[in-house]
Amino acid sequence: MPLTGDQNARHAKSWIARRGIMIDRLDSMRVFVTALNEGSLARAAQRLRRSPD
């Protein structure tokens, strides 16, 4: 049974939200690994060109 317009829109929003969470997790892992490699979060932030906000 095909999705209606409303169901399709909800499905698309849900997929985008999950994808955003996945990207956030990957980014967090990248920061964590960089902090391990650099020895501190401050140096990781410098390496990744992030502000301390």
C-alpha atoms as a PDB file:
ATOM      1  CA  MET A   1       0.000   0.000   0.000  1.00  0.00           C
ATOM      2  CA  PRO A   2       1.564   3.341  -1.039  1.00  0.00           C
ATOM      3  CA  LEU A   3       2.040   6.119   1.487  1.00  0.00           C
ATOM      4  CA  THR A   4      -0.256   9.139   1.468  1.00  0.00           C
ATOM      5  CA  GLY A   5       1.196  12.627   1.157  1.00  0.00           C
ATOM      6  CA  ASP A   6       1.063  13.188   4.934  1.00  0.00           C
ATOM      7  CA  GLN A   7       2.614   9.798   5.694  1.00  0.00           C
ATOM      8  CA  ASN A   8       5.339  10.412   3.159  1.00  0.00           C
ATOM      9  CA  ALA A   9       6.127  13.817   4.674  1.00  0.00           C
ATOM     10  CA  ARG A  10       6.296  12.349   8.202  1.00  0.00           C
ATOM     11  CA  HIS A  11       8.533   9.538   6.948  1.00  0.00           C
ATOM     12  CA  ALA A  12      10.861  12.038   5.258  1.00  0.00           C
ATOM     13  CA  LYS A  13      11.090  14.194   8.406  1.00  0.00           C
ATOM     14  CA  SER A  14      11.826  11.135  10.534  1.00  0.00           C
ATOM     15  CA  TRP A  15      14.564   9.995   8.123  1.00  0.00           C
ATOM     16  CA  ILE A  16      16.166  13.446   8.135  1.00  0.00           C
ATOM     17  CA  ALA A  17      16.071  13.580  11.958  1.00  0.00           C
ATOM     18  CA  ARG A  18      17.734  10.153  12.235  1.00  0.00           C
ATOM     19  CA  ARG A  19      20.350  11.143   9.700  1.00  0.00           C
ATOM     20  CA  GLY A  20      21.103  14.303  11.688  1.00  0.00           C
ATOM     21  CA  ILE A  21      21.605  12.223  14.817  1.00  0.00           C
ATOM     22  CA  MET A  22      23.965   9.908  12.934  1.00  0.00           C
ATOM     23  CA  ILE A  23      26.023  12.830  11.673  1.00  0.00           C
ATOM     24  CA  ASP A  24      26.159  14.294  15.208  1.00  0.00           C
ATOM     25  CA  ARG A  25      27.430  10.970  16.537  1.00  0.00           C
ATOM     26  CA  LEU A  26      30.067  10.681  13.846  1.00  0.00           C
ATOM     27  CA  ASP A  27      31.192  14.237  14.542  1.00  0.00           C
ATOM     28  CA  SER A  28      31.348  13.514  18.272  1.00  0.00           C
ATOM     29  CA  MET A  29      33.466  10.432  17.638  1.00  0.00           C
ATOM     30  CA  ARG A  30      35.800  12.483  15.438  1.00  0.00           C
ATOM     31  CA  VAL A  31      36.236  15.051  18.226  1.00  0.00           C
ATOM     32  CA  PHE A  32      36.849  12.285  20.780  1.00  0.00           C
ATOM     33  CA  VAL A  33      39.492  10.541  18.659  1.00  0.00           C
ATOM     34  CA  THR A  34      41.190  13.851  17.885  1.00  0.00           C
ATOM     35  CA  ALA A  35      41.258  14.692  21.605  1.00  0.00           C
ATOM     36  CA  LEU A  36      42.919  11.349  22.306  1.00  0.00           C
ATOM     37  CA  ASN A  37      45.475  11.916  19.573  1.00  0.00           C
ATOM     38  CA  GLU A  38      46.164  15.520  20.573  1.00  0.00           C
ATOM     39  CA  GLY A  39      46.178  14.878  24.310  1.00  0.00           C
ATOM     40  CA  SER A  40      43.519  17.445  25.243  1.00  0.00           C
ATOM     41  CA  LEU A  41      40.175  18.838  24.181  1.00  0.00           C
ATOM     42  CA  ALA A  42      41.696  22.302  23.764  1.00  0.00           C
ATOM     43  CA  ARG A  43      44.252  21.051  21.234  1.00  0.00           C
ATOM     44  CA  ALA A  44      41.574  18.977  19.521  1.00  0.00           C
ATOM     45  CA  ALA A  45      39.478  22.122  19.138  1.00  0.00           C
ATOM     46  CA  GLN A  46      42.457  23.929  17.616  1.00  0.00           C
ATOM     47  CA  ARG A  47      43.155  21.016  15.256  1.00  0.00           C
ATOM     48  CA  LEU A  48      39.503  20.857  14.185  1.00  0.00           C
ATOM     49  CA  ARG A  49      39.257  24.661  14.001  1.00  0.00           C
ATOM     50  CA  ARG A  50      36.380  24.819  16.480  1.00  0.00           C
ATOM     51  CA  SER A  51      35.485  27.625  18.819  1.00  0.00           C
ATOM     52  CA  PRO A  52      35.137  26.884  22.535  1.00  0.00           C
ATOM     53  CA  ASP A  53      31.428  27.837  22.492  1.00  0.00           C
END
